[in-house]
């Protein structure tokens, strides 16, 4: 494997070798496919582990013990949803993961990683609004849309009592204030392990005002 020491130092040292091997395979396929389709910014490839893998993996533990279905919206190159699935294969084998990605080429990349790592995921190559309600225990998204828009997506696809987990940057506080104009929710903000200016927002009891 070619896992850098920085990944180990960001809270991933406790993961089994099998998990790290699958994540390493994801990074390898990302580098290969990115030459043909724009999965991530080319400038971020040299830091793919910290910028993408570790950043995504940090939300796995926020699922809660009762999570049986995780849905990731706007999955793109698999961050964070596919990373969650690759981790869950060992650490939460009963949890199923659904990835929603409307770009057909990116959806095919997700399916390819799924096959080559032997980790089952369901991929919906459709717009988020067109997918039938998923009734997921956890809904996640990363770099997809402003929080008010994400709340609408989450309300559609969350099961009763579910939680939304969104990776956000330095303007998270502003987005929360804007979202509260139309949405009611309980909020936990968890500092990001990879960016001192970023955070992970965990929303529960989500409903329209």
N, C-alpha and C. Protein backbone atom coordinates (compact mmCIF):
# COMPACT_ATOMS: atom_id res chain seq x y z
N UNK A 1 0.84 -1.20 0.00
CA UNK A 1 0.00 0.00 0.00
C UNK A 1 0.87 1.25 0.00
N UNK A 2 0.29 2.35 -0.42
CA UNK A 2 1.01 3.62 -0.47
C UNK A 2 0.32 4.65 0.43
N UNK A 3 -0.13 4.23 1.60
CA UNK A 3 -0.80 5.12 2.53
C UNK A 3 0.21 6.03 3.20
N UNK A 4 0.08 7.35 3.06
CA UNK A 4 1.05 8.26 3.67
C UNK A 4 0.91 8.33 5.17
N UNK A 5 1.98 8.71 5.85
CA UNK A 5 1.95 8.81 7.30
C UNK A 5 0.93 9.82 7.78
N UNK A 6 0.66 10.84 6.96
CA UNK A 6 -0.30 11.88 7.35
C UNK A 6 -1.69 11.30 7.55
N UNK A 7 -2.04 10.29 6.77
CA UNK A 7 -3.35 9.65 6.94
C UNK A 7 -3.42 8.93 8.28
N UNK A 8 -2.35 8.25 8.64
CA UNK A 8 -2.32 7.55 9.92
C UNK A 8 -2.44 8.53 11.08
N UNK A 9 -1.86 9.71 10.93
CA UNK A 9 -1.85 10.67 12.02
C UNK A 9 -3.15 11.45 12.16
N UNK A 10 -4.07 11.27 11.23
CA UNK A 10 -5.34 11.98 11.28
C UNK A 10 -6.48 11.06 11.73
N UNK A 11 -6.19 10.18 12.64
CA UNK A 11 -7.25 9.35 13.22
C UNK A 11 -7.57 8.10 12.45
N UNK A 12 -6.75 7.71 11.47
CA UNK A 12 -7.03 6.50 10.69
C UNK A 12 -6.14 5.33 11.08
N UNK A 13 -5.27 5.54 12.03
CA UNK A 13 -4.36 4.48 12.43
C UNK A 13 -5.05 3.28 13.04
N UNK A 14 -6.31 3.48 13.52
CA UNK A 14 -7.03 2.38 14.16
C UNK A 14 -7.74 1.49 13.15
N UNK A 15 -7.76 1.88 11.89
CA UNK A 15 -8.48 1.09 10.90
C UNK A 15 -7.73 -0.18 10.53
N UNK A 16 -8.46 -1.28 10.29
CA UNK A 16 -7.80 -2.52 9.87
C UNK A 16 -7.06 -2.35 8.55
N UNK A 17 -6.08 -3.22 8.32
CA UNK A 17 -5.32 -3.19 7.08
C UNK A 17 -6.24 -3.35 5.88
N UNK A 18 -7.28 -4.17 6.01
CA UNK A 18 -8.20 -4.40 4.89
C UNK A 18 -8.90 -3.11 4.48
N UNK A 19 -9.28 -2.29 5.46
CA UNK A 19 -9.92 -1.01 5.15
C UNK A 19 -8.94 -0.08 4.44
N UNK A 20 -7.73 0.02 4.97
CA UNK A 20 -6.74 0.90 4.37
C UNK A 20 -6.38 0.45 2.96
N UNK A 21 -6.39 -0.85 2.73
CA UNK A 21 -6.09 -1.37 1.40
C UNK A 21 -7.18 -0.95 0.41
N UNK A 22 -8.43 -1.03 0.83
CA UNK A 22 -9.53 -0.61 -0.06
C UNK A 22 -9.45 0.88 -0.35
N UNK A 23 -9.15 1.68 0.67
CA UNK A 23 -9.04 3.12 0.46
C UNK A 23 -7.87 3.44 -0.46
N UNK A 24 -6.78 2.69 -0.33
CA UNK A 24 -5.63 2.89 -1.21
C UNK A 24 -6.01 2.56 -2.65
N UNK A 25 -6.83 1.53 -2.82
CA UNK A 25 -7.29 1.19 -4.18
C UNK A 25 -8.16 2.30 -4.76
N UNK A 26 -9.00 2.89 -3.92
CA UNK A 26 -9.80 4.03 -4.36
C UNK A 26 -8.91 5.16 -4.86
N UNK A 27 -7.88 5.49 -4.10
CA UNK A 27 -6.97 6.57 -4.50
C UNK A 27 -6.29 6.23 -5.82
N UNK A 28 -5.88 4.98 -5.98
CA UNK A 28 -5.24 4.57 -7.24
C UNK A 28 -6.17 4.73 -8.43
N UNK A 29 -7.42 4.31 -8.28
CA UNK A 29 -8.39 4.45 -9.36
C UNK A 29 -8.73 5.91 -9.61
N UNK A 30 -8.76 6.70 -8.55
CA UNK A 30 -9.01 8.13 -8.71
C UNK A 30 -7.94 8.77 -9.59
N UNK A 31 -6.68 8.45 -9.31
CA UNK A 31 -5.58 9.01 -10.11
C UNK A 31 -5.68 8.57 -11.57
N UNK A 32 -6.05 7.32 -11.78
CA UNK A 32 -6.15 6.79 -13.14
C UNK A 32 -7.30 7.43 -13.91
N UNK A 33 -8.47 7.51 -13.30
CA UNK A 33 -9.65 8.02 -13.98
C UNK A 33 -9.61 9.53 -14.15
N UNK A 34 -8.92 10.21 -13.26
CA UNK A 34 -8.95 11.67 -13.29
C UNK A 34 -8.28 12.25 -14.54
N UNK A 35 -7.48 11.45 -15.20
CA UNK A 35 -6.86 11.92 -16.45
C UNK A 35 -7.88 11.99 -17.58
N UNK A 36 -8.97 11.24 -17.45
CA UNK A 36 -9.99 11.20 -18.50
C UNK A 36 -11.22 12.03 -18.17
N UNK A 37 -11.65 12.01 -16.91
CA UNK A 37 -12.81 12.80 -16.50
C UNK A 37 -12.45 13.56 -15.23
N UNK A 38 -13.06 14.71 -15.07
CA UNK A 38 -12.71 15.61 -13.97
C UNK A 38 -13.44 15.18 -12.69
N UNK A 39 -12.87 14.22 -11.98
CA UNK A 39 -13.46 13.76 -10.73
C UNK A 39 -13.16 14.71 -9.59
N UNK A 40 -11.89 15.13 -9.48
CA UNK A 40 -11.47 16.11 -8.48
C UNK A 40 -10.49 17.06 -9.16
N UNK A 41 -10.23 18.20 -8.52
CA UNK A 41 -9.26 19.13 -9.06
C UNK A 41 -7.89 18.46 -9.16
N UNK A 42 -7.26 18.50 -10.33
CA UNK A 42 -5.94 17.85 -10.47
C UNK A 42 -4.93 18.30 -9.42
N UNK A 43 -5.04 19.54 -9.00
CA UNK A 43 -4.10 20.06 -8.01
C UNK A 43 -4.24 19.39 -6.65
N UNK A 44 -5.37 18.70 -6.42
CA UNK A 44 -5.59 18.05 -5.12
C UNK A 44 -5.15 16.59 -5.11
N UNK A 45 -4.72 16.06 -6.25
CA UNK A 45 -4.38 14.64 -6.32
C UNK A 45 -3.19 14.28 -5.46
N UNK A 46 -2.20 15.17 -5.39
CA UNK A 46 -1.02 14.88 -4.58
C UNK A 46 -1.35 14.78 -3.09
N UNK A 47 -2.45 15.39 -2.70
CA UNK A 47 -2.89 15.33 -1.31
C UNK A 47 -4.23 14.59 -1.20
N UNK A 48 -4.42 13.60 -2.07
CA UNK A 48 -5.71 12.92 -2.14
C UNK A 48 -6.11 12.28 -0.82
N UNK A 49 -5.13 11.75 -0.10
CA UNK A 49 -5.46 11.11 1.18
C UNK A 49 -6.00 12.11 2.18
N UNK A 50 -5.29 13.20 2.40
CA UNK A 50 -5.75 14.16 3.41
C UNK A 50 -6.92 14.99 2.93
N UNK A 51 -6.88 15.44 1.67
CA UNK A 51 -7.91 16.33 1.15
C UNK A 51 -9.24 15.62 0.94
N UNK A 52 -9.18 14.34 0.59
CA UNK A 52 -10.41 13.65 0.22
C UNK A 52 -10.74 12.44 1.10
N UNK A 53 -9.77 11.54 1.28
CA UNK A 53 -10.07 10.30 2.00
C UNK A 53 -10.24 10.54 3.50
N UNK A 54 -9.25 11.14 4.12
CA UNK A 54 -9.34 11.39 5.57
C UNK A 54 -10.50 12.33 5.87
N UNK A 55 -10.67 13.35 5.04
CA UNK A 55 -11.76 14.31 5.22
C UNK A 55 -13.11 13.60 5.21
N UNK A 56 -13.25 12.61 4.33
CA UNK A 56 -14.51 11.86 4.24
C UNK A 56 -14.66 10.85 5.36
N UNK A 57 -13.57 10.15 5.68
CA UNK A 57 -13.64 9.08 6.68
C UNK A 57 -14.01 9.59 8.06
N UNK A 58 -13.69 10.85 8.35
CA UNK A 58 -13.95 11.38 9.69
C UNK A 58 -15.43 11.38 10.07
N UNK A 59 -16.31 11.32 9.07
CA UNK A 59 -17.75 11.39 9.41
C UNK A 59 -18.35 10.02 9.68
N UNK A 60 -17.60 8.95 9.42
CA UNK A 60 -18.15 7.61 9.61
C UNK A 60 -18.66 7.40 11.03
N UNK A 61 -17.90 7.85 12.01
CA UNK A 61 -18.27 7.62 13.40
C UNK A 61 -19.47 8.45 13.85
N UNK A 62 -19.94 9.37 13.00
CA UNK A 62 -21.09 10.20 13.35
C UNK A 62 -22.41 9.55 12.96
N UNK A 63 -22.35 8.34 12.42
CA UNK A 63 -23.57 7.68 11.96
C UNK A 63 -24.51 7.32 13.11
N UNK A 64 -23.96 6.99 14.25
CA UNK A 64 -24.78 6.49 15.34
C UNK A 64 -24.89 4.98 15.27
N UNK A 65 -25.17 4.36 16.37
CA UNK A 65 -25.17 2.90 16.45
C UNK A 65 -26.33 2.26 15.68
N UNK A 66 -27.39 3.01 15.44
CA UNK A 66 -28.58 2.42 14.82
C UNK A 66 -28.65 2.62 13.31
N UNK A 67 -27.58 3.11 12.71
CA UNK A 67 -27.60 3.37 11.28
C UNK A 67 -27.55 2.07 10.49
N UNK A 68 -28.58 1.84 9.71
CA UNK A 68 -28.63 0.67 8.84
C UNK A 68 -28.57 1.06 7.37
N UNK A 69 -28.88 2.33 7.08
CA UNK A 69 -28.88 2.79 5.69
C UNK A 69 -28.30 4.20 5.64
N UNK A 70 -27.21 4.35 4.92
CA UNK A 70 -26.54 5.64 4.75
C UNK A 70 -26.71 6.06 3.30
N UNK A 71 -27.20 7.26 3.05
CA UNK A 71 -27.34 7.78 1.70
C UNK A 71 -26.47 9.01 1.52
N UNK A 72 -25.66 9.00 0.47
CA UNK A 72 -24.77 10.12 0.17
C UNK A 72 -25.27 10.80 -1.10
N UNK A 73 -25.42 12.12 -1.04
CA UNK A 73 -26.01 12.88 -2.13
C UNK A 73 -24.94 13.66 -2.88
N UNK A 74 -25.00 13.61 -4.21
CA UNK A 74 -23.98 14.27 -5.01
C UNK A 74 -22.62 13.67 -4.79
N UNK A 75 -22.52 12.35 -4.90
CA UNK A 75 -21.32 11.62 -4.46
C UNK A 75 -20.06 11.94 -5.26
N UNK A 76 -20.19 12.35 -6.50
CA UNK A 76 -19.02 12.71 -7.30
C UNK A 76 -18.03 11.58 -7.41
N UNK A 77 -16.83 11.79 -6.89
CA UNK A 77 -15.78 10.77 -6.93
C UNK A 77 -15.85 9.82 -5.73
N UNK A 78 -16.92 9.93 -4.96
CA UNK A 78 -17.09 9.01 -3.83
C UNK A 78 -16.83 9.61 -2.47
N UNK A 79 -16.73 10.93 -2.43
CA UNK A 79 -16.44 11.62 -1.17
C UNK A 79 -17.65 12.41 -0.71
N UNK A 80 -18.21 12.07 0.45
CA UNK A 80 -17.69 11.10 1.41
C UNK A 80 -18.29 9.70 1.32
N UNK A 81 -19.37 9.51 0.55
CA UNK A 81 -20.17 8.29 0.67
C UNK A 81 -19.45 6.99 0.36
N UNK A 82 -18.65 6.97 -0.69
CA UNK A 82 -17.95 5.74 -1.04
C UNK A 82 -16.89 5.40 0.00
N UNK A 83 -16.23 6.41 0.53
CA UNK A 83 -15.27 6.17 1.61
C UNK A 83 -15.98 5.55 2.81
N UNK A 84 -17.16 6.07 3.14
CA UNK A 84 -17.95 5.50 4.24
C UNK A 84 -18.22 4.03 3.98
N UNK A 85 -18.60 3.68 2.75
CA UNK A 85 -18.89 2.29 2.42
C UNK A 85 -17.66 1.41 2.55
N UNK A 86 -16.50 1.91 2.11
CA UNK A 86 -15.27 1.13 2.19
C UNK A 86 -14.85 0.88 3.63
N UNK A 87 -15.13 1.84 4.50
CA UNK A 87 -14.85 1.66 5.93
C UNK A 87 -15.87 0.73 6.57
N UNK A 88 -17.13 0.91 6.21
CA UNK A 88 -18.21 0.14 6.83
C UNK A 88 -18.13 -1.35 6.52
N UNK A 89 -17.49 -1.71 5.42
CA UNK A 89 -17.36 -3.13 5.04
C UNK A 89 -16.85 -3.95 6.22
N UNK A 90 -15.91 -3.41 6.99
CA UNK A 90 -15.36 -4.11 8.15
C UNK A 90 -16.00 -3.66 9.46
N UNK A 91 -16.24 -2.36 9.60
CA UNK A 91 -16.62 -1.82 10.90
C UNK A 91 -18.12 -1.75 11.13
N UNK A 92 -18.91 -1.82 10.07
CA UNK A 92 -20.37 -1.83 10.20
C UNK A 92 -20.95 -2.64 9.05
N UNK A 93 -20.69 -3.95 9.02
CA UNK A 93 -21.02 -4.77 7.85
C UNK A 93 -22.51 -4.87 7.53
N UNK A 94 -23.37 -4.54 8.48
CA UNK A 94 -24.81 -4.60 8.23
C UNK A 94 -25.36 -3.31 7.63
N UNK A 95 -24.53 -2.29 7.54
CA UNK A 95 -24.99 -1.01 7.01
C UNK A 95 -24.91 -1.00 5.48
N UNK A 96 -25.97 -0.59 4.84
CA UNK A 96 -25.94 -0.45 3.38
C UNK A 96 -25.78 1.02 3.02
N UNK A 97 -25.14 1.24 1.87
CA UNK A 97 -24.82 2.60 1.44
C UNK A 97 -25.39 2.84 0.04
N UNK A 98 -26.07 3.97 -0.10
CA UNK A 98 -26.62 4.39 -1.38
C UNK A 98 -25.92 5.68 -1.80
N UNK A 99 -25.48 5.72 -3.05
CA UNK A 99 -24.81 6.89 -3.60
C UNK A 99 -25.67 7.48 -4.71
N UNK A 100 -25.91 8.78 -4.65
CA UNK A 100 -26.70 9.46 -5.67
C UNK A 100 -25.79 10.41 -6.43
N UNK A 101 -25.61 10.17 -7.72
CA UNK A 101 -24.74 10.99 -8.56
C UNK A 101 -25.32 11.06 -9.98
N UNK A 102 -25.73 12.24 -10.39
CA UNK A 102 -26.43 12.38 -11.67
C UNK A 102 -25.50 12.30 -12.88
N UNK A 103 -24.22 12.59 -12.71
CA UNK A 103 -23.26 12.51 -13.82
C UNK A 103 -22.97 11.04 -14.12
N UNK A 104 -23.31 10.61 -15.33
CA UNK A 104 -23.20 9.19 -15.68
C UNK A 104 -21.76 8.68 -15.61
N UNK A 105 -20.80 9.50 -16.00
CA UNK A 105 -19.40 9.05 -15.98
C UNK A 105 -18.91 8.89 -14.54
N UNK A 106 -19.28 9.82 -13.68
CA UNK A 106 -18.90 9.70 -12.27
C UNK A 106 -19.59 8.50 -11.63
N UNK A 107 -20.85 8.27 -12.02
CA UNK A 107 -21.57 7.10 -11.49
C UNK A 107 -20.88 5.81 -11.90
N UNK A 108 -20.35 5.77 -13.12
CA UNK A 108 -19.64 4.58 -13.57
C UNK A 108 -18.33 4.40 -12.79
N UNK A 109 -17.68 5.50 -12.45
CA UNK A 109 -16.49 5.41 -11.61
C UNK A 109 -16.85 4.80 -10.26
N UNK A 110 -17.93 5.24 -9.65
CA UNK A 110 -18.36 4.70 -8.36
C UNK A 110 -18.62 3.20 -8.46
N UNK A 111 -19.26 2.77 -9.54
CA UNK A 111 -19.54 1.34 -9.73
C UNK A 111 -18.24 0.56 -9.93
N UNK A 112 -17.29 1.16 -10.62
CA UNK A 112 -16.01 0.48 -10.85
C UNK A 112 -15.27 0.27 -9.54
N UNK A 113 -15.22 1.29 -8.70
CA UNK A 113 -14.55 1.14 -7.40
C UNK A 113 -15.27 0.08 -6.57
N UNK A 114 -16.59 0.09 -6.63
CA UNK A 114 -17.38 -0.91 -5.90
C UNK A 114 -16.99 -2.33 -6.31
N UNK A 115 -16.88 -2.55 -7.63
CA UNK A 115 -16.51 -3.88 -8.12
C UNK A 115 -15.10 -4.26 -7.72
N UNK A 116 -14.17 -3.33 -7.89
CA UNK A 116 -12.76 -3.66 -7.69
C UNK A 116 -12.36 -3.75 -6.22
N UNK A 117 -13.20 -3.24 -5.34
CA UNK A 117 -12.92 -3.39 -3.90
C UNK A 117 -13.84 -4.42 -3.26
N UNK A 118 -14.76 -4.98 -4.06
CA UNK A 118 -15.72 -5.96 -3.57
C UNK A 118 -16.56 -5.41 -2.42
N UNK A 119 -16.96 -4.15 -2.55
CA UNK A 119 -17.83 -3.49 -1.57
C UNK A 119 -19.12 -3.08 -2.28
N UNK A 120 -20.23 -3.63 -1.85
CA UNK A 120 -21.49 -3.34 -2.53
C UNK A 120 -22.02 -1.97 -2.14
N UNK A 121 -22.36 -1.19 -3.14
CA UNK A 121 -23.10 0.06 -2.94
C UNK A 121 -24.18 0.12 -4.01
N UNK A 122 -25.24 0.85 -3.70
CA UNK A 122 -26.28 1.11 -4.69
C UNK A 122 -26.04 2.50 -5.26
N UNK A 123 -25.93 2.60 -6.58
CA UNK A 123 -25.67 3.88 -7.22
C UNK A 123 -26.89 4.30 -8.02
N UNK A 124 -27.43 5.48 -7.72
CA UNK A 124 -28.53 6.06 -8.49
C UNK A 124 -27.96 7.16 -9.36
N UNK A 125 -27.92 6.94 -10.67
CA UNK A 125 -27.42 7.95 -11.60
C UNK A 125 -28.57 8.86 -12.02
N UNK A 126 -29.09 9.58 -11.05
CA UNK A 126 -30.23 10.47 -11.26
C UNK A 126 -30.04 11.73 -10.43
N UNK A 127 -30.87 12.73 -10.74
CA UNK A 127 -30.87 13.92 -9.91
C UNK A 127 -31.46 13.59 -8.54
N UNK A 128 -30.99 14.27 -7.53
CA UNK A 128 -31.42 14.01 -6.16
C UNK A 128 -32.94 14.13 -6.03
N UNK A 129 -33.49 15.13 -6.71
CA UNK A 129 -34.94 15.38 -6.61
C UNK A 129 -35.75 14.31 -7.31
N UNK A 130 -35.12 13.57 -8.24
CA UNK A 130 -35.86 12.55 -9.00
C UNK A 130 -35.84 11.18 -8.33
N UNK A 131 -34.91 10.97 -7.42
CA UNK A 131 -34.81 9.68 -6.74
C UNK A 131 -35.96 9.56 -5.74
N UNK A 132 -36.62 8.41 -5.74
CA UNK A 132 -37.68 8.19 -4.76
C UNK A 132 -37.11 8.31 -3.35
N UNK A 133 -37.89 8.79 -2.38
CA UNK A 133 -37.39 8.96 -1.02
C UNK A 133 -36.68 7.70 -0.52
N UNK A 134 -35.47 7.86 -0.03
CA UNK A 134 -34.61 6.73 0.31
C UNK A 134 -34.82 6.21 1.73
N UNK A 135 -35.44 7.01 2.59
CA UNK A 135 -35.67 6.60 3.97
C UNK A 135 -34.38 6.16 4.65
N UNK A 136 -33.37 6.99 4.53
CA UNK A 136 -32.05 6.69 5.09
C UNK A 136 -31.95 7.14 6.54
N UNK A 137 -31.16 6.42 7.31
CA UNK A 137 -30.90 6.81 8.69
C UNK A 137 -29.93 7.99 8.76
N UNK A 138 -29.01 8.04 7.79
CA UNK A 138 -28.07 9.15 7.68
C UNK A 138 -28.03 9.60 6.23
N UNK A 139 -28.07 10.92 6.03
CA UNK A 139 -27.87 11.52 4.72
C UNK A 139 -26.64 12.42 4.81
N UNK A 140 -25.72 12.28 3.87
CA UNK A 140 -24.49 13.07 3.88
C UNK A 140 -24.29 13.79 2.56
N UNK A 141 -23.45 14.83 2.61
CA UNK A 141 -23.06 15.55 1.39
C UNK A 141 -21.80 16.34 1.68
N UNK A 142 -21.03 16.55 0.64
CA UNK A 142 -19.77 17.30 0.75
C UNK A 142 -19.62 18.18 -0.49
N UNK A 143 -19.43 19.46 -0.29
CA UNK A 143 -19.21 20.41 -1.39
C UNK A 143 -20.30 20.29 -2.45
N UNK A 144 -21.55 20.22 -2.01
CA UNK A 144 -22.66 20.02 -2.94
C UNK A 144 -23.50 21.27 -3.13
N UNK A 145 -23.94 21.89 -2.02
CA UNK A 145 -24.88 23.01 -2.12
C UNK A 145 -24.90 23.75 -0.79
N UNK A 146 -25.45 24.98 -0.77
CA UNK A 146 -25.62 25.69 0.51
C UNK A 146 -26.54 24.92 1.44
N UNK A 147 -26.39 25.15 2.73
CA UNK A 147 -27.14 24.40 3.73
C UNK A 147 -28.66 24.46 3.55
N UNK A 148 -29.26 25.61 3.22
CA UNK A 148 -30.71 25.61 3.03
C UNK A 148 -31.17 24.62 1.96
N UNK A 149 -30.40 24.49 0.89
CA UNK A 149 -30.73 23.54 -0.17
C UNK A 149 -30.52 22.11 0.32
N UNK A 150 -29.44 21.89 1.05
CA UNK A 150 -29.18 20.56 1.58
C UNK A 150 -30.27 20.11 2.53
N UNK A 151 -30.84 21.04 3.28
CA UNK A 151 -31.94 20.68 4.19
C UNK A 151 -33.12 20.12 3.42
N UNK A 152 -33.42 20.72 2.28
CA UNK A 152 -34.50 20.21 1.45
C UNK A 152 -34.23 18.82 0.93
N UNK A 153 -33.00 18.60 0.49
CA UNK A 153 -32.63 17.26 0.03
C UNK A 153 -32.72 16.25 1.17
N UNK A 154 -32.22 16.64 2.33
CA UNK A 154 -32.21 15.72 3.47
C UNK A 154 -33.62 15.38 3.91
N UNK A 155 -34.50 16.38 3.96
CA UNK A 155 -35.87 16.11 4.38
C UNK A 155 -36.52 15.07 3.47
N UNK A 156 -36.21 15.13 2.18
CA UNK A 156 -36.80 14.18 1.23
C UNK A 156 -36.32 12.76 1.48
N UNK A 157 -35.07 12.61 1.86
CA UNK A 157 -34.47 11.27 1.86
C UNK A 157 -34.18 10.69 3.24
N UNK A 158 -34.43 11.44 4.30
CA UNK A 158 -34.21 10.92 5.65
C UNK A 158 -35.41 10.13 6.16
N UNK A 159 -35.12 9.07 6.88
CA UNK A 159 -36.17 8.36 7.63
C UNK A 159 -36.50 9.17 8.88
N UNK A 160 -37.64 8.89 9.47
CA UNK A 160 -38.00 9.56 10.71
C UNK A 160 -36.94 9.28 11.78
N UNK A 161 -36.49 10.34 12.43
CA UNK A 161 -35.46 10.18 13.46
C UNK A 161 -34.05 10.13 12.91
N UNK A 162 -33.89 10.32 11.59
CA UNK A 162 -32.56 10.27 10.99
C UNK A 162 -31.78 11.55 11.19
N UNK A 163 -30.53 11.51 10.77
CA UNK A 163 -29.67 12.69 10.92
C UNK A 163 -28.96 13.00 9.61
N UNK A 164 -28.71 14.28 9.41
CA UNK A 164 -27.96 14.73 8.24
C UNK A 164 -26.55 15.11 8.67
N UNK A 165 -25.57 14.75 7.86
CA UNK A 165 -24.17 15.01 8.17
C UNK A 165 -23.55 15.71 6.96
N UNK A 166 -23.18 16.98 7.15
CA UNK A 166 -22.67 17.78 6.05
C UNK A 166 -21.30 18.35 6.38
N UNK A 167 -20.34 18.15 5.48
CA UNK A 167 -19.02 18.75 5.63
C UNK A 167 -19.07 20.17 5.08
N UNK A 168 -18.65 21.13 5.90
CA UNK A 168 -18.77 22.54 5.52
C UNK A 168 -17.47 23.29 5.80
N UNK A 169 -17.29 24.41 5.09
CA UNK A 169 -16.09 25.21 5.22
C UNK A 169 -16.24 26.35 6.20
N UNK A 170 -15.47 27.41 5.97
CA UNK A 170 -15.37 28.50 6.94
C UNK A 170 -16.67 29.28 7.11
N UNK A 171 -17.57 29.20 6.15
CA UNK A 171 -18.81 29.98 6.22
C UNK A 171 -19.98 29.17 6.77
N UNK A 172 -19.67 28.09 7.46
CA UNK A 172 -20.73 27.23 7.99
C UNK A 172 -21.71 27.99 8.88
N UNK A 173 -21.19 28.86 9.73
CA UNK A 173 -22.05 29.61 10.64
C UNK A 173 -23.06 30.47 9.90
N UNK A 174 -22.62 31.12 8.84
CA UNK A 174 -23.53 31.94 8.03
C UNK A 174 -24.61 31.08 7.39
N UNK A 175 -24.21 29.91 6.89
CA UNK A 175 -25.18 29.02 6.25
C UNK A 175 -26.22 28.53 7.26
N UNK A 176 -25.78 28.27 8.48
CA UNK A 176 -26.72 27.83 9.51
C UNK A 176 -27.75 28.92 9.79
N UNK A 177 -27.32 30.15 9.92
CA UNK A 177 -28.24 31.26 10.18
C UNK A 177 -29.25 31.40 9.05
N UNK A 178 -28.79 31.28 7.82
CA UNK A 178 -29.69 31.39 6.67
C UNK A 178 -30.68 30.22 6.65
N UNK A 179 -30.20 29.02 6.94
CA UNK A 179 -31.06 27.84 6.90
C UNK A 179 -32.16 27.91 7.95
N UNK A 180 -31.87 28.50 9.10
CA UNK A 180 -32.85 28.56 10.18
C UNK A 180 -34.04 29.46 9.85
N UNK A 181 -33.97 30.24 8.79
CA UNK A 181 -35.11 31.03 8.38
C UNK A 181 -36.27 30.15 7.90
N UNK A 182 -35.91 29.01 7.30
CA UNK A 182 -36.93 28.13 6.73
C UNK A 182 -36.96 26.74 7.35
N UNK A 183 -35.97 26.43 8.18
CA UNK A 183 -35.86 25.08 8.71
C UNK A 183 -35.65 25.10 10.21
N UNK A 184 -36.18 24.10 10.86
CA UNK A 184 -35.96 23.91 12.29
C UNK A 184 -35.16 22.62 12.46
N UNK A 185 -34.12 22.65 13.28
CA UNK A 185 -33.30 21.45 13.50
C UNK A 185 -32.44 21.65 14.74
N UNK A 186 -32.06 20.53 15.35
CA UNK A 186 -31.04 20.56 16.39
C UNK A 186 -29.69 20.39 15.70
N UNK A 187 -28.68 21.06 16.23
CA UNK A 187 -27.40 21.12 15.52
C UNK A 187 -26.23 20.80 16.43
N UNK A 188 -25.33 19.96 15.92
CA UNK A 188 -24.03 19.75 16.54
C UNK A 188 -22.98 20.11 15.48
N UNK A 189 -21.97 20.86 15.89
CA UNK A 189 -20.89 21.24 14.98
C UNK A 189 -19.60 20.61 15.48
N UNK A 190 -19.02 19.75 14.64
CA UNK A 190 -17.80 19.02 15.01
C UNK A 190 -16.62 19.59 14.23
N UNK A 191 -15.56 20.02 14.91
CA UNK A 191 -14.39 20.55 14.18
C UNK A 191 -13.82 19.52 13.20
N UNK A 192 -13.46 19.98 12.03
CA UNK A 192 -12.84 19.10 11.04
C UNK A 192 -11.45 18.68 11.49
N UNK A 193 -11.10 17.44 11.19
CA UNK A 193 -9.77 16.93 11.51
C UNK A 193 -8.73 17.33 10.46
N UNK A 194 -9.20 17.82 9.32
CA UNK A 194 -8.28 18.09 8.21
C UNK A 194 -8.15 19.57 7.87
N UNK A 195 -9.04 20.41 8.40
CA UNK A 195 -9.01 21.82 8.07
C UNK A 195 -9.47 22.63 9.29
N UNK A 196 -8.61 23.46 9.86
CA UNK A 196 -8.98 24.20 11.07
C UNK A 196 -10.12 25.19 10.85
N UNK A 197 -10.41 25.50 9.60
CA UNK A 197 -11.48 26.45 9.29
C UNK A 197 -12.79 25.76 8.91
N UNK A 198 -12.79 24.45 8.87
CA UNK A 198 -13.96 23.69 8.44
C UNK A 198 -14.61 22.96 9.60
N UNK A 199 -15.80 22.45 9.36
CA UNK A 199 -16.52 21.71 10.40
C UNK A 199 -17.46 20.71 9.76
N UNK A 200 -17.93 19.79 10.57
CA UNK A 200 -18.95 18.83 10.16
C UNK A 200 -20.23 19.18 10.91
N UNK A 201 -21.28 19.48 10.18
CA UNK A 201 -22.56 19.82 10.79
C UNK A 201 -23.44 18.58 10.86
N UNK A 202 -23.96 18.31 12.04
CA UNK A 202 -24.86 17.17 12.25
C UNK A 202 -26.23 17.74 12.63
N UNK A 203 -27.22 17.50 11.77
CA UNK A 203 -28.57 18.04 11.96
C UNK A 203 -29.52 16.90 12.30
N UNK A 204 -30.34 17.10 13.31
CA UNK A 204 -31.38 16.14 13.68
C UNK A 204 -32.70 16.88 13.87
N UNK A 205 -33.79 16.12 13.90
CA UNK A 205 -35.13 16.68 14.09
C UNK A 205 -35.41 17.76 13.05
N UNK A 206 -35.02 17.49 11.81
CA UNK A 206 -35.14 18.44 10.73
C UNK A 206 -36.58 18.55 10.23
N UNK A 207 -37.10 19.77 10.16
CA UNK A 207 -38.44 19.99 9.59
C UNK A 207 -38.54 21.45 9.13
N UNK A 208 -39.48 21.70 8.26
CA UNK A 208 -39.71 23.07 7.78
C UNK A 208 -40.35 23.91 8.87
N UNK A 209 -40.02 25.18 8.86
CA UNK A 209 -40.61 26.10 9.84
C UNK A 209 -42.08 26.32 9.49
